[in-house]
Amino acid sequence: MSNSFSSTKAWMHGFLAKHLQFHIVGTFIISLGTATFCNFAVAEPGNKAYADFYRNYDSMKYFEVKSKAGIFQSAKGFEI
């Protein structure tokens, strides 16, 4: 009976350390992959769309259109 326990005990020796090391390395690799994916799939296209929109954006033209439509109550009768 002691032989079966000793083989189990030898197998369990260092098991937690090996298990944690494997999973910590795997988690680190997966997190780097996820961060890279989010950067290239979400952040960069959003920044590009934002830059493209504001490259030709004329805020004064937008203000005049909205003011003439009567959207801004505080700017009634305001002429530029």
C-alpha atoms as a PDB file:
ATOM      1  CA  MET A   1       0.000   0.000   0.000  1.00  0.00           C
ATOM      2  CA  SER A   2       2.846   2.407   0.619  1.00  0.00           C
ATOM      3  CA  ASN A   3       4.087   1.845  -2.963  1.00  0.00           C
ATOM      4  CA  SER A   4       0.895   3.245  -4.473  1.00  0.00           C
ATOM      5  CA  PHE A   5       1.069   6.313  -2.260  1.00  0.00           C
ATOM      6  CA  SER A   6       4.737   6.966  -2.964  1.00  0.00           C
ATOM      7  CA  SER A   7       4.217   6.909  -6.751  1.00  0.00           C
ATOM      8  CA  THR A   8       1.306   9.316  -6.413  1.00  0.00           C
ATOM      9  CA  LYS A   9       3.329  11.519  -4.133  1.00  0.00           C
ATOM     10  CA  ALA A  10       6.253  11.589  -6.594  1.00  0.00           C
ATOM     11  CA  TRP A  11       3.911  12.547  -9.434  1.00  0.00           C
ATOM     12  CA  MET A  12       2.427  15.367  -7.374  1.00  0.00           C
ATOM     13  CA  HIS A  13       5.857  16.706  -6.385  1.00  0.00           C
ATOM     14  CA  GLY A  14       6.284  20.107  -8.079  1.00  0.00           C
ATOM     15  CA  PHE A  15       2.953  19.770  -9.893  1.00  0.00           C
ATOM     16  CA  LEU A  16       1.579  23.108  -8.691  1.00  0.00           C
ATOM     17  CA  ALA A  17       4.716  25.012  -9.719  1.00  0.00           C
ATOM     18  CA  LYS A  18       4.725  23.426 -13.197  1.00  0.00           C
ATOM     19  CA  HIS A  19       1.001  24.003 -13.590  1.00  0.00           C
ATOM     20  CA  LEU A  20       1.234  27.665 -12.571  1.00  0.00           C
ATOM     21  CA  GLN A  21       4.280  28.321 -14.730  1.00  0.00           C
ATOM     22  CA  PHE A  22       2.546  26.869 -17.804  1.00  0.00           C
ATOM     23  CA  HIS A  23      -0.640  28.838 -17.242  1.00  0.00           C
ATOM     24  CA  ILE A  24       1.073  32.131 -16.372  1.00  0.00           C
ATOM     25  CA  VAL A  25       3.145  31.997 -19.568  1.00  0.00           C
ATOM     26  CA  GLY A  26       0.057  31.047 -21.586  1.00  0.00           C
ATOM     27  CA  THR A  27      -1.994  33.833 -20.052  1.00  0.00           C
ATOM     28  CA  PHE A  28       0.740  36.371 -20.790  1.00  0.00           C
ATOM     29  CA  ILE A  29       0.944  35.288 -24.441  1.00  0.00           C
ATOM     30  CA  ILE A  30      -2.841  35.360 -24.873  1.00  0.00           C
ATOM     31  CA  SER A  31      -3.100  38.804 -23.252  1.00  0.00           C
ATOM     32  CA  LEU A  32      -0.416  40.223 -25.561  1.00  0.00           C
ATOM     33  CA  GLY A  33      -2.215  38.752 -28.558  1.00  0.00           C
ATOM     34  CA  THR A  34      -5.536  40.199 -27.441  1.00  0.00           C
ATOM     35  CA  ALA A  35      -4.032  43.642 -26.829  1.00  0.00           C
ATOM     36  CA  THR A  36      -2.378  43.614 -30.255  1.00  0.00           C
ATOM     37  CA  PHE A  37      -5.609  42.532 -31.922  1.00  0.00           C
ATOM     38  CA  CYS A  38      -7.599  45.268 -30.183  1.00  0.00           C
ATOM     39  CA  ASN A  39      -5.029  47.869 -31.170  1.00  0.00           C
ATOM     40  CA  PHE A  40      -5.045  46.958 -34.869  1.00  0.00           C
ATOM     41  CA  ALA A  41      -8.740  46.011 -35.172  1.00  0.00           C
ATOM     42  CA  VAL A  42     -10.360  48.732 -33.053  1.00  0.00           C
ATOM     43  CA  ALA A  43      -8.079  51.586 -32.006  1.00  0.00           C
ATOM     44  CA  GLU A  44      -6.213  52.355 -35.231  1.00  0.00           C
ATOM     45  CA  PRO A  45      -9.287  52.311 -37.521  1.00  0.00           C
ATOM     46  CA  GLY A  46     -11.105  54.548 -35.041  1.00  0.00           C
ATOM     47  CA  ASN A  47      -8.241  57.015 -34.897  1.00  0.00           C
ATOM     48  CA  LYS A  48      -8.008  57.007 -38.696  1.00  0.00           C
ATOM     49  CA  ALA A  49     -11.750  57.654 -39.083  1.00  0.00           C
ATOM     50  CA  TYR A  50     -11.559  60.467 -36.512  1.00  0.00           C
ATOM     51  CA  ALA A  51      -8.612  62.076 -38.316  1.00  0.00           C
ATOM     52  CA  ASP A  52     -10.299  61.723 -41.723  1.00  0.00           C
ATOM     53  CA  PHE A  53     -13.488  63.332 -40.450  1.00  0.00           C
ATOM     54  CA  TYR A  54     -11.798  66.338 -38.883  1.00  0.00           C
ATOM     55  CA  ARG A  55      -9.326  66.850 -41.737  1.00  0.00           C
ATOM     56  CA  ASN A  56     -11.991  68.612 -43.849  1.00  0.00           C
ATOM     57  CA  TYR A  57     -14.371  69.645 -41.075  1.00  0.00           C
ATOM     58  CA  ASP A  58     -15.456  73.294 -41.080  1.00  0.00           C
ATOM     59  CA  SER A  59     -16.912  74.134 -37.684  1.00  0.00           C
ATOM     60  CA  MET A  60     -18.089  77.604 -38.712  1.00  0.00           C
ATOM     61  CA  LYS A  61     -20.038  76.211 -41.664  1.00  0.00           C
ATOM     62  CA  TYR A  62     -21.633  73.642 -39.366  1.00  0.00           C
ATOM     63  CA  PHE A  63     -22.508  76.370 -36.855  1.00  0.00           C
ATOM     64  CA  GLU A  64     -24.092  78.574 -39.536  1.00  0.00           C
ATOM     65  CA  VAL A  65     -26.257  75.726 -40.851  1.00  0.00           C
ATOM     66  CA  LYS A  66     -27.455  74.812 -37.359  1.00  0.00           C
ATOM     67  CA  SER A  67     -28.018  78.446 -36.389  1.00  0.00           C
ATOM     68  CA  LYS A  68     -30.113  79.153 -39.486  1.00  0.00           C
ATOM     69  CA  ALA A  69     -32.155  76.042 -38.756  1.00  0.00           C
ATOM     70  CA  GLY A  70     -32.950  77.450 -35.298  1.00  0.00           C
ATOM     71  CA  ILE A  71     -31.296  74.678 -33.318  1.00  0.00           C
ATOM     72  CA  PHE A  72     -29.323  76.997 -31.045  1.00  0.00           C
ATOM     73  CA  GLN A  73     -31.658  79.089 -28.916  1.00  0.00           C
ATOM     74  CA  SER A  74     -28.819  81.168 -27.516  1.00  0.00           C
ATOM     75  CA  ALA A  75     -27.526  82.132 -30.972  1.00  0.00           C
ATOM     76  CA  LYS A  76     -30.698  83.550 -32.538  1.00  0.00           C
ATOM     77  CA  GLY A  77     -29.954  86.543 -34.675  1.00  0.00           C
ATOM     78  CA  PHE A  78     -26.218  85.900 -34.412  1.00  0.00           C
ATOM     79  CA  GLU A  79     -24.483  86.771 -37.658  1.00  0.00           C
ATOM     80  CA  ILE A  80     -20.930  85.868 -38.433  1.00  0.00           C
END
